[in-house]
Amino acid sequence: MKTNSLIVKIPVRTMRRRIKTNTLGLLIALLLLMTFSGCRVRRPDDVLSPRKMEAVLYDYHLAQAIVTELPPAERYARDSYLYWSFSKNGITKEQFDNSLIWYTRNPKELAEIYKRLSERIEKEYNQSLKAIQEIDKRAVVGTISGDSVDIWYQDRLNIFNTSVFMNRLTFSIAQDTTFYRGDTLVWTADNAFVTPDDSVPHMAYLSLSVRYNDSISTVDTILRENGRTVLTLNLDSAKAMTSITGSINYLDSTDNRNSMLVVSGISLMRYHQNRLPSLPSPPAELGTDDGGGGGDVE
């Protein structure tokens, strides 16, 4: 089974390359600056601490790497990504600029920060490679022949918040010989909203689609309460599908990082017609396109 996970990915490789390039140029400049620098100057109170600066620079370079990977039509969001790195760490752009100026005038401290950043990026790069290999293994497991198979290949537990990097999950599964016309898909998940108080509005949108050469069949629902969600979708019995796609979108209307959605126990079962279990009824709130099944929220 060929899979193509569309979940928002952190471009670790791009970030790693950017950090290495920045570090090399920085070290060359630092060697020159250190020649003229004397003893260490006391850090002013309005300058970020080394650990804080390291955290901000990590997110700043991460935002730069993500912007690099954006398609041209979305480059307008560049400033939003960069400002995210400041708001996440509770600082302003002015504080960052002021601190960066001080650190560039004190090259030893800045060199230590970038040394730790390089080590961190290298470690996370290696971890990301292992994670990709694990996802590939899960996808292969899902191709095992059988009348009923769980084809979910991503993490079964996901936590969402209002951050642009953590408010959406998507997936895509390509057609292969294990799918038959008329198969039934059952996507199940347990959801729990975690908010500071009941006054914080929250909801989530779930969507499951099957794509054909000439059409798309979709079932979706909106979550407003805690519980179990089941979406069912029948593959067309007259034509072959090309892919299965789905998404979870957290739609909290606030920017409160303490407001979260926890989705656990995720499974995506594929049933051949002769092994179809007793399925829930479609939801009354949202229907389907092209007669493609139903879903419910318990």
C-alpha atoms as a PDB file:
ATOM      1  CA  MET A   1       0.000   0.000   0.000  1.00  0.00           C
ATOM      2  CA  LYS A   2       1.371   3.369  -0.984  1.00  0.00           C
ATOM      3  CA  THR A   3       0.704   6.012   1.621  1.00  0.00           C
ATOM      4  CA  ASN A   4       1.135   9.696   1.676  1.00  0.00           C
ATOM      5  CA  SER A   5       0.693  11.323   5.068  1.00  0.00           C
ATOM      6  CA  LEU A   6      -0.487  14.896   4.692  1.00  0.00           C
ATOM      7  CA  ILE A   7      -0.184  15.760   8.340  1.00  0.00           C
ATOM      8  CA  VAL A   8       1.548  19.085   8.868  1.00  0.00           C
ATOM      9  CA  LYS A   9       5.224  18.143   8.933  1.00  0.00           C
ATOM     10  CA  ILE A  10       8.076  19.953  10.607  1.00  0.00           C
ATOM     11  CA  PRO A  11      10.702  20.356   7.831  1.00  0.00           C
ATOM     12  CA  VAL A  12      13.530  19.084  10.021  1.00  0.00           C
ATOM     13  CA  ARG A  13      15.862  18.490   7.096  1.00  0.00           C
ATOM     14  CA  THR A  14      15.381  22.055   5.815  1.00  0.00           C
ATOM     15  CA  MET A  15      15.778  23.451   9.308  1.00  0.00           C
ATOM     16  CA  ARG A  16      18.886  21.336   9.866  1.00  0.00           C
ATOM     17  CA  ARG A  17      20.447  22.639   6.667  1.00  0.00           C
ATOM     18  CA  ARG A  18      19.548  26.226   7.557  1.00  0.00           C
ATOM     19  CA  ILE A  19      21.019  25.912  11.063  1.00  0.00           C
ATOM     20  CA  LYS A  20      24.251  24.430   9.693  1.00  0.00           C
ATOM     21  CA  THR A  21      24.587  27.199   7.120  1.00  0.00           C
ATOM     22  CA  ASN A  22      23.879  29.893   9.688  1.00  0.00           C
ATOM     23  CA  THR A  23      26.255  28.299  12.169  1.00  0.00           C
ATOM     24  CA  LEU A  24      29.136  28.125   9.689  1.00  0.00           C
ATOM     25  CA  GLY A  25      28.788  31.751   8.678  1.00  0.00           C
ATOM     26  CA  LEU A  26      28.293  32.786  12.260  1.00  0.00           C
ATOM     27  CA  LEU A  27      31.407  31.005  13.503  1.00  0.00           C
ATOM     28  CA  ILE A  28      33.541  32.671  10.835  1.00  0.00           C
ATOM     29  CA  ALA A  29      32.235  36.062  11.896  1.00  0.00           C
ATOM     30  CA  LEU A  30      32.691  35.185  15.544  1.00  0.00           C
ATOM     31  CA  LEU A  31      36.340  34.295  15.053  1.00  0.00           C
ATOM     32  CA  LEU A  32      36.910  37.796  13.755  1.00  0.00           C
ATOM     33  CA  LEU A  33      34.840  39.420  16.468  1.00  0.00           C
ATOM     34  CA  MET A  34      36.490  37.429  19.247  1.00  0.00           C
ATOM     35  CA  THR A  35      39.837  38.817  18.195  1.00  0.00           C
ATOM     36  CA  PHE A  36      38.660  42.247  19.256  1.00  0.00           C
ATOM     37  CA  SER A  37      36.480  41.227  22.187  1.00  0.00           C
ATOM     38  CA  GLY A  38      37.706  41.491  25.722  1.00  0.00           C
ATOM     39  CA  CYS A  39      36.284  39.924  28.868  1.00  0.00           C
ATOM     40  CA  ARG A  40      32.630  38.897  29.034  1.00  0.00           C
ATOM     41  CA  VAL A  41      30.218  41.788  29.498  1.00  0.00           C
ATOM     42  CA  ARG A  42      27.418  41.477  32.007  1.00  0.00           C
ATOM     43  CA  ARG A  43      24.107  40.707  30.292  1.00  0.00           C
ATOM     44  CA  PRO A  44      21.525  43.499  30.745  1.00  0.00           C
ATOM     45  CA  ASP A  45      18.206  42.630  32.359  1.00  0.00           C
ATOM     46  CA  ASP A  46      16.252  43.330  29.168  1.00  0.00           C
ATOM     47  CA  VAL A  47      18.283  40.790  27.157  1.00  0.00           C
ATOM     48  CA  LEU A  48      16.959  37.234  26.949  1.00  0.00           C
ATOM     49  CA  SER A  49      18.862  34.594  28.891  1.00  0.00           C
ATOM     50  CA  PRO A  50      20.945  32.102  26.874  1.00  0.00           C
ATOM     51  CA  ARG A  51      18.387  29.309  27.405  1.00  0.00           C
ATOM     52  CA  LYS A  52      15.490  31.573  26.464  1.00  0.00           C
ATOM     53  CA  MET A  53      17.352  32.858  23.417  1.00  0.00           C
ATOM     54  CA  GLU A  54      18.094  29.300  22.378  1.00  0.00           C
ATOM     55  CA  ALA A  55      14.397  28.396  22.586  1.00  0.00           C
ATOM     56  CA  VAL A  56      13.379  31.458  20.574  1.00  0.00           C
ATOM     57  CA  LEU A  57      16.049  30.895  17.919  1.00  0.00           C
ATOM     58  CA  TYR A  58      14.953  27.275  17.564  1.00  0.00           C
ATOM     59  CA  ASP A  59      11.351  28.297  16.883  1.00  0.00           C
ATOM     60  CA  TYR A  60      12.505  31.200  14.699  1.00  0.00           C
ATOM     61  CA  HIS A  61      14.584  28.939  12.454  1.00  0.00           C
ATOM     62  CA  LEU A  62      11.750  26.414  12.455  1.00  0.00           C
ATOM     63  CA  ALA A  63       9.374  29.105  11.198  1.00  0.00           C
ATOM     64  CA  GLN A  64      11.896  30.116   8.526  1.00  0.00           C
ATOM     65  CA  ALA A  65      12.206  26.498   7.398  1.00  0.00           C
ATOM     66  CA  ILE A  66       8.440  26.090   7.181  1.00  0.00           C
ATOM     67  CA  VAL A  67       8.123  29.289   5.140  1.00  0.00           C
ATOM     68  CA  THR A  68      10.763  27.948   2.752  1.00  0.00           C
ATOM     69  CA  GLU A  69       8.599  24.871   2.136  1.00  0.00           C
ATOM     70  CA  LEU A  70       5.390  26.843   1.547  1.00  0.00           C
ATOM     71  CA  PRO A  71       4.042  27.047  -2.017  1.00  0.00           C
ATOM     72  CA  PRO A  72       4.386  30.513  -3.601  1.00  0.00           C
ATOM     73  CA  ALA A  73       0.677  31.224  -3.143  1.00  0.00           C
ATOM     74  CA  GLU A  74       1.041  30.936   0.648  1.00  0.00           C
ATOM     75  CA  ARG A  75       4.209  32.997   1.098  1.00  0.00           C
ATOM     76  CA  TYR A  76       2.030  35.873   2.279  1.00  0.00           C
ATOM     77  CA  ALA A  77       1.841  34.041   5.625  1.00  0.00           C
ATOM     78  CA  ARG A  78       5.597  34.428   6.187  1.00  0.00           C
ATOM     79  CA  ASP A  79       5.284  37.129   8.844  1.00  0.00           C
ATOM     80  CA  SER A  80       2.609  35.145  10.679  1.00  0.00           C
ATOM     81  CA  TYR A  81       4.948  32.170  11.038  1.00  0.00           C
ATOM     82  CA  LEU A  82       7.827  34.335  12.215  1.00  0.00           C
ATOM     83  CA  TYR A  83       5.681  36.183  14.738  1.00  0.00           C
ATOM     84  CA  TRP A  84       4.446  32.815  16.001  1.00  0.00           C
ATOM     85  CA  SER A  85       8.000  32.077  17.170  1.00  0.00           C
ATOM     86  CA  PHE A  86       7.853  35.208  19.315  1.00  0.00           C
ATOM     87  CA  SER A  87       4.334  34.791  20.713  1.00  0.00           C
ATOM     88  CA  LYS A  88       4.963  31.154  21.595  1.00  0.00           C
ATOM     89  CA  ASN A  89       7.855  32.216  23.808  1.00  0.00           C
ATOM     90  CA  GLY A  90       6.016  35.175  25.300  1.00  0.00           C
ATOM     91  CA  ILE A  91       8.213  37.899  23.814  1.00  0.00           C
ATOM     92  CA  THR A  92       7.936  40.637  21.199  1.00  0.00           C
ATOM     93  CA  LYS A  93       9.898  41.113  18.003  1.00  0.00           C
ATOM     94  CA  GLU A  94      11.550  44.139  19.589  1.00  0.00           C
ATOM     95  CA  GLN A  95      12.798  42.025  22.509  1.00  0.00           C
ATOM     96  CA  PHE A  96      14.163  39.456  20.091  1.00  0.00           C
ATOM     97  CA  ASP A  97      15.914  42.057  17.937  1.00  0.00           C
ATOM     98  CA  ASN A  98      17.386  43.789  20.973  1.00  0.00           C
ATOM     99  CA  SER A  99      18.670  40.505  22.403  1.00  0.00           C
ATOM    100  CA  LEU A 100      20.083  39.385  19.067  1.00  0.00           C
ATOM    101  CA  ILE A 101      22.046  42.629  18.772  1.00  0.00           C
ATOM    102  CA  TRP A 102      23.553  42.102  22.226  1.00  0.00           C
ATOM    103  CA  TYR A 103      24.488  38.480  21.503  1.00  0.00           C
ATOM    104  CA  THR A 104      26.142  39.374  18.205  1.00  0.00           C
ATOM    105  CA  ARG A 105      28.303  41.809  20.159  1.00  0.00           C
ATOM    106  CA  ASN A 106      29.153  39.006  22.598  1.00  0.00           C
ATOM    107  CA  PRO A 107      30.153  36.199  20.239  1.00  0.00           C
ATOM    108  CA  LYS A 108      31.148  33.623  22.849  1.00  0.00           C
ATOM    109  CA  GLU A 109      27.619  33.454  24.243  1.00  0.00           C
ATOM    110  CA  LEU A 110      26.059  33.319  20.777  1.00  0.00           C
ATOM    111  CA  ALA A 111      28.477  30.609  19.660  1.00  0.00           C
ATOM    112  CA  GLU A 112      27.454  28.455  22.635  1.00  0.00           C
ATOM    113  CA  ILE A 113      23.789  28.918  21.781  1.00  0.00           C
ATOM    114  CA  TYR A 114      24.278  27.843  18.172  1.00  0.00           C
ATOM    115  CA  LYS A 115      26.402  24.912  19.250  1.00  0.00           C
ATOM    116  CA  ARG A 116      23.520  23.597  21.365  1.00  0.00           C
ATOM    117  CA  LEU A 117      21.054  24.352  18.570  1.00  0.00           C
ATOM    118  CA  SER A 118      23.094  22.334  16.082  1.00  0.00           C
ATOM    119  CA  GLU A 119      23.256  19.387  18.476  1.00  0.00           C
ATOM    120  CA  ARG A 120      19.512  19.579  19.082  1.00  0.00           C
ATOM    121  CA  ILE A 121      18.657  19.740  15.385  1.00  0.00           C
ATOM    122  CA  GLU A 122      20.970  16.821  14.608  1.00  0.00           C
ATOM    123  CA  LYS A 123      19.301  14.734  17.313  1.00  0.00           C
ATOM    124  CA  GLU A 124      15.780  15.585  16.165  1.00  0.00           C
ATOM    125  CA  TYR A 125      16.705  14.953  12.541  1.00  0.00           C
ATOM    126  CA  ASN A 126      17.771  11.415  13.417  1.00  0.00           C
ATOM    127  CA  GLN A 127      14.609  10.918  15.456  1.00  0.00           C
ATOM    128  CA  SER A 128      12.460  12.088  12.546  1.00  0.00           C
ATOM    129  CA  LEU A 129      14.073   9.521  10.255  1.00  0.00           C
ATOM    130  CA  LYS A 130      13.196   6.778  12.735  1.00  0.00           C
ATOM    131  CA  ALA A 131       9.630   8.086  12.974  1.00  0.00           C
ATOM    132  CA  ILE A 132       9.233   8.021   9.186  1.00  0.00           C
ATOM    133  CA  GLN A 133      10.505   4.451   9.096  1.00  0.00           C
ATOM    134  CA  GLU A 134       7.990   3.502  11.809  1.00  0.00           C
ATOM    135  CA  ILE A 135       5.129   5.066   9.844  1.00  0.00           C
ATOM    136  CA  ASP A 136       6.190   3.119   6.753  1.00  0.00           C
ATOM    137  CA  LYS A 137       6.158  -0.097   8.802  1.00  0.00           C
ATOM    138  CA  ARG A 138       2.622   0.607  10.012  1.00  0.00           C
ATOM    139  CA  ALA A 139       1.482   1.290   6.473  1.00  0.00           C
ATOM    140  CA  VAL A 140       2.909  -2.032   5.287  1.00  0.00           C
ATOM    141  CA  VAL A 141       1.129  -3.873   8.107  1.00  0.00           C
ATOM    142  CA  GLY A 142      -2.151  -2.432   6.866  1.00  0.00           C
ATOM    143  CA  THR A 143      -1.753  -4.174   3.493  1.00  0.00           C
ATOM    144  CA  ILE A 144      -2.058  -7.637   5.051  1.00  0.00           C
ATOM    145  CA  SER A 145      -4.827  -9.434   3.209  1.00  0.00           C
ATOM    146  CA  GLY A 146      -8.015 -10.144   5.113  1.00  0.00           C
ATOM    147  CA  ASP A 147     -11.708  -9.355   5.219  1.00  0.00           C
ATOM    148  CA  SER A 148     -11.296  -6.814   8.047  1.00  0.00           C
ATOM    149  CA  VAL A 149      -8.095  -4.808   8.532  1.00  0.00           C
ATOM    150  CA  ASP A 150      -7.185  -1.690  10.512  1.00  0.00           C
ATOM    151  CA  ILE A 151      -5.426   0.492   7.930  1.00  0.00           C
ATOM    152  CA  TRP A 152      -4.691   3.425  10.274  1.00  0.00           C
ATOM    153  CA  TYR A 153      -0.933   4.078  10.083  1.00  0.00           C
ATOM    154  CA  GLN A 154      -0.470   7.276  12.101  1.00  0.00           C
ATOM    155  CA  ASP A 155      -0.402   7.816  15.866  1.00  0.00           C
ATOM    156  CA  ARG A 156      -3.539   6.663  17.665  1.00  0.00           C
ATOM    157  CA  LEU A 157      -3.280   9.516  20.158  1.00  0.00           C
ATOM    158  CA  ASN A 158      -3.154  13.136  18.974  1.00  0.00           C
ATOM    159  CA  ILE A 159      -3.305  16.398  20.911  1.00  0.00           C
ATOM    160  CA  PHE A 160      -4.505  19.578  19.197  1.00  0.00           C
ATOM    161  CA  ASN A 161      -4.315  23.218  20.288  1.00  0.00           C
ATOM    162  CA  THR A 162      -4.724  26.613  18.648  1.00  0.00           C
ATOM    163  CA  SER A 163      -1.175  26.720  17.277  1.00  0.00           C
ATOM    164  CA  VAL A 164      -1.042  26.660  13.479  1.00  0.00           C
ATOM    165  CA  PHE A 165       1.255  23.656  13.808  1.00  0.00           C
ATOM    166  CA  MET A 166      -1.046  21.644  16.069  1.00  0.00           C
ATOM    167  CA  ASN A 167      -4.621  22.371  15.026  1.00  0.00           C
ATOM    168  CA  ARG A 168      -4.931  19.974  12.091  1.00  0.00           C
ATOM    169  CA  LEU A 169      -4.279  16.344  11.155  1.00  0.00           C
ATOM    170  CA  THR A 170      -4.641  14.949   7.651  1.00  0.00           C
ATOM    171  CA  PHE A 171      -3.938  11.600   6.049  1.00  0.00           C
ATOM    172  CA  SER A 172      -4.038   9.979   2.630  1.00  0.00           C
ATOM    173  CA  ILE A 173      -4.022   6.328   1.569  1.00  0.00           C
ATOM    174  CA  ALA A 174      -3.578   5.350  -2.065  1.00  0.00           C
ATOM    175  CA  GLN A 175      -5.533   2.601  -3.792  1.00  0.00           C
ATOM    176  CA  ASP A 176      -4.010  -0.880  -3.962  1.00  0.00           C
ATOM    177  CA  THR A 177      -5.080  -4.472  -4.588  1.00  0.00           C
ATOM    178  CA  THR A 178      -6.334  -5.001  -1.015  1.00  0.00           C
ATOM    179  CA  PHE A 179      -9.273  -2.646  -1.627  1.00  0.00           C
ATOM    180  CA  TYR A 180     -12.362  -4.048  -3.328  1.00  0.00           C
ATOM    181  CA  ARG A 181     -15.292  -2.229  -4.852  1.00  0.00           C
ATOM    182  CA  GLY A 182     -18.071  -2.011  -2.313  1.00  0.00           C
ATOM    183  CA  ASP A 183     -15.761  -2.128   0.724  1.00  0.00           C
ATOM    184  CA  THR A 184     -16.827  -0.252   3.851  1.00  0.00           C
ATOM    185  CA  LEU A 185     -14.584   2.104   5.825  1.00  0.00           C
ATOM    186  CA  VAL A 186     -15.198   2.787   9.524  1.00  0.00           C
ATOM    187  CA  TRP A 187     -13.187   5.605  11.140  1.00  0.00           C
ATOM    188  CA  THR A 188     -13.464   5.613  14.941  1.00  0.00           C
ATOM    189  CA  ALA A 189     -11.984   8.000  17.513  1.00  0.00           C
ATOM    190  CA  ASP A 190     -12.560   9.102  21.118  1.00  0.00           C
ATOM    191  CA  ASN A 191     -12.451  12.867  21.621  1.00  0.00           C
ATOM    192  CA  ALA A 192     -12.136  15.007  24.745  1.00  0.00           C
ATOM    193  CA  PHE A 193     -12.062  18.812  24.856  1.00  0.00           C
ATOM    194  CA  VAL A 194      -9.808  20.283  27.534  1.00  0.00           C
ATOM    195  CA  THR A 195     -10.556  23.964  28.188  1.00  0.00           C
ATOM    196  CA  PRO A 196      -9.860  26.403  31.055  1.00  0.00           C
ATOM    197  CA  ASP A 197     -13.599  26.845  31.646  1.00  0.00           C
ATOM    198  CA  ASP A 198     -16.938  26.132  30.008  1.00  0.00           C
ATOM    199  CA  SER A 199     -17.147  29.633  28.558  1.00  0.00           C
ATOM    200  CA  VAL A 200     -14.421  28.886  25.997  1.00  0.00           C
ATOM    201  CA  PRO A 201     -16.120  27.922  22.711  1.00  0.00           C
ATOM    202  CA  HIS A 202     -14.727  24.875  20.984  1.00  0.00           C
ATOM    203  CA  MET A 203     -15.513  22.372  18.273  1.00  0.00           C
ATOM    204  CA  ALA A 204     -13.761  20.102  15.794  1.00  0.00           C
ATOM    205  CA  TYR A 205     -14.490  19.088  12.225  1.00  0.00           C
ATOM    206  CA  LEU A 206     -13.884  15.519  11.032  1.00  0.00           C
ATOM    207  CA  SER A 207     -14.010  14.514   7.394  1.00  0.00           C
ATOM    208  CA  LEU A 208     -13.476  11.198   5.574  1.00  0.00           C
ATOM    209  CA  SER A 209     -13.424  11.039   1.758  1.00  0.00           C
ATOM    210  CA  VAL A 210     -12.971   8.500  -1.011  1.00  0.00           C
ATOM    211  CA  ARG A 211     -11.740   9.852  -4.321  1.00  0.00           C
ATOM    212  CA  TYR A 212     -12.550   8.424  -7.738  1.00  0.00           C
ATOM    213  CA  ASN A 213     -11.403   9.525 -11.168  1.00  0.00           C
ATOM    214  CA  ASP A 214     -14.583  11.506 -11.711  1.00  0.00           C
ATOM    215  CA  SER A 215     -15.968  12.255  -8.249  1.00  0.00           C
ATOM    216  CA  ILE A 216     -15.476  12.406  -4.482  1.00  0.00           C
ATOM    217  CA  SER A 217     -17.633  10.775  -1.806  1.00  0.00           C
ATOM    218  CA  THR A 218     -17.446  12.389   1.642  1.00  0.00           C
ATOM    219  CA  VAL A 219     -18.883  11.953   5.116  1.00  0.00           C
ATOM    220  CA  ASP A 220     -18.210  14.514   7.850  1.00  0.00           C
ATOM    221  CA  THR A 221     -19.365  15.683  11.250  1.00  0.00           C
ATOM    222  CA  ILE A 222     -18.811  18.465  13.780  1.00  0.00           C
ATOM    223  CA  LEU A 223     -17.797  17.643  17.356  1.00  0.00           C
ATOM    224  CA  ARG A 224     -19.014  19.822  20.202  1.00  0.00           C
ATOM    225  CA  GLU A 225     -19.081  17.354  23.079  1.00  0.00           C
ATOM    226  CA  ASN A 226     -16.780  14.693  24.491  1.00  0.00           C
ATOM    227  CA  GLY A 227     -17.393  11.119  23.384  1.00  0.00           C
ATOM    228  CA  ARG A 228     -16.802   8.593  20.632  1.00  0.00           C
ATOM    229  CA  THR A 229     -17.132   9.466  16.969  1.00  0.00           C
ATOM    230  CA  VAL A 230     -17.742   6.948  14.194  1.00  0.00           C
ATOM    231  CA  LEU A 231     -17.726   7.841  10.503  1.00  0.00           C
ATOM    232  CA  THR A 232     -18.671   5.172   7.950  1.00  0.00           C
ATOM    233  CA  LEU A 233     -18.210   5.378   4.218  1.00  0.00           C
ATOM    234  CA  ASN A 234     -19.008   2.821   1.521  1.00  0.00           C
ATOM    235  CA  LEU A 235     -16.814   2.488  -1.545  1.00  0.00           C
ATOM    236  CA  ASP A 236     -18.660   2.617  -4.839  1.00  0.00           C
ATOM    237  CA  SER A 237     -19.517  -0.875  -6.084  1.00  0.00           C
ATOM    238  CA  ALA A 238     -19.368   0.171  -9.740  1.00  0.00           C
ATOM    239  CA  LYS A 239     -15.966   1.866  -9.961  1.00  0.00           C
ATOM    240  CA  ALA A 240     -12.510   1.733  -8.398  1.00  0.00           C
ATOM    241  CA  MET A 241     -11.385   4.409  -5.984  1.00  0.00           C
ATOM    242  CA  THR A 242      -8.049   6.240  -6.325  1.00  0.00           C
ATOM    243  CA  SER A 243      -7.392   7.290  -2.720  1.00  0.00           C
ATOM    244  CA  ILE A 244      -8.788   7.691   0.779  1.00  0.00           C
ATOM    245  CA  THR A 245      -8.276  10.998   2.580  1.00  0.00           C
ATOM    246  CA  GLY A 246      -9.370  12.411   5.905  1.00  0.00           C
ATOM    247  CA  SER A 247      -8.784  15.228   8.345  1.00  0.00           C
ATOM    248  CA  ILE A 248      -9.373  16.467  11.886  1.00  0.00           C
ATOM    249  CA  ASN A 249      -9.532  20.243  12.337  1.00  0.00           C
ATOM    250  CA  TYR A 250      -9.620  21.856  15.779  1.00  0.00           C
ATOM    251  CA  LEU A 251     -11.729  24.996  15.506  1.00  0.00           C
ATOM    252  CA  ASP A 252     -11.321  26.688  18.892  1.00  0.00           C
ATOM    253  CA  SER A 253     -12.188  30.336  18.283  1.00  0.00           C
ATOM    254  CA  THR A 254      -9.683  31.580  20.879  1.00  0.00           C
ATOM    255  CA  ASP A 255      -5.905  31.710  20.896  1.00  0.00           C
ATOM    256  CA  ASN A 256      -5.655  30.154  24.359  1.00  0.00           C
ATOM    257  CA  ARG A 257      -2.832  27.605  24.426  1.00  0.00           C
ATOM    258  CA  ASN A 258      -4.492  25.965  27.458  1.00  0.00           C
ATOM    259  CA  SER A 259      -7.460  24.975  25.297  1.00  0.00           C
ATOM    260  CA  MET A 260      -6.869  21.566  23.737  1.00  0.00           C
ATOM    261  CA  LEU A 261      -8.538  18.649  22.004  1.00  0.00           C
ATOM    262  CA  VAL A 262      -7.352  15.127  22.786  1.00  0.00           C
ATOM    263  CA  VAL A 263      -8.235  12.464  20.210  1.00  0.00           C
ATOM    264  CA  SER A 264      -7.366   8.890  21.154  1.00  0.00           C
ATOM    265  CA  GLY A 265      -8.076   5.302  20.150  1.00  0.00           C
ATOM    266  CA  ILE A 266      -8.073   6.158  16.446  1.00  0.00           C
ATOM    267  CA  SER A 267      -8.735   3.298  14.039  1.00  0.00           C
ATOM    268  CA  LEU A 268      -9.698   3.084  10.373  1.00  0.00           C
ATOM    269  CA  MET A 269     -11.182  -0.309   9.590  1.00  0.00           C
ATOM    270  CA  ARG A 270     -11.656  -1.616   6.067  1.00  0.00           C
ATOM    271  CA  TYR A 271     -14.303  -4.325   5.702  1.00  0.00           C
ATOM    272  CA  HIS A 272     -15.016  -6.462   2.680  1.00  0.00           C
ATOM    273  CA  GLN A 273     -18.726  -6.909   2.026  1.00  0.00           C
ATOM    274  CA  ASN A 274     -18.898 -10.484   3.326  1.00  0.00           C
ATOM    275  CA  ARG A 275     -17.482  -9.444   6.735  1.00  0.00           C
ATOM    276  CA  LEU A 276     -19.323  -6.199   7.326  1.00  0.00           C
ATOM    277  CA  PRO A 277     -20.183  -5.712  11.037  1.00  0.00           C
ATOM    278  CA  SER A 278     -23.286  -4.042  12.423  1.00  0.00           C
ATOM    279  CA  LEU A 279     -22.631  -0.337  11.865  1.00  0.00           C
ATOM    280  CA  PRO A 280     -24.075   2.794  13.533  1.00  0.00           C
ATOM    281  CA  SER A 281     -26.686   4.922  11.814  1.00  0.00           C
ATOM    282  CA  PRO A 282     -25.665   8.093   9.922  1.00  0.00           C
ATOM    283  CA  PRO A 283     -25.720  11.381  11.883  1.00  0.00           C
ATOM    284  CA  ALA A 284     -28.668  13.691  11.489  1.00  0.00           C
ATOM    285  CA  GLU A 285     -26.542  16.859  11.507  1.00  0.00           C
ATOM    286  CA  LEU A 286     -24.382  16.347   8.443  1.00  0.00           C
ATOM    287  CA  GLY A 287     -25.077  14.215   5.418  1.00  0.00           C
ATOM    288  CA  THR A 288     -22.879  12.722   2.719  1.00  0.00           C
ATOM    289  CA  ASP A 289     -22.011  13.453  -0.881  1.00  0.00           C
ATOM    290  CA  ASP A 290     -22.660  10.910  -3.639  1.00  0.00           C
ATOM    291  CA  GLY A 291     -24.445   8.570  -1.218  1.00  0.00           C
ATOM    292  CA  GLY A 292     -21.286   7.569   0.578  1.00  0.00           C
ATOM    293  CA  GLY A 293     -22.280   6.332   4.064  1.00  0.00           C
ATOM    294  CA  GLY A 294     -22.777   8.061   7.391  1.00  0.00           C
ATOM    295  CA  GLY A 295     -21.411   8.679  10.857  1.00  0.00           C
ATOM    296  CA  ASP A 296     -22.442   9.421  14.409  1.00  0.00           C
ATOM    297  CA  VAL A 297     -21.249  11.002  17.596  1.00  0.00           C
ATOM    298  CA  GLU A 298     -22.113   9.159  20.776  1.00  0.00           C
END
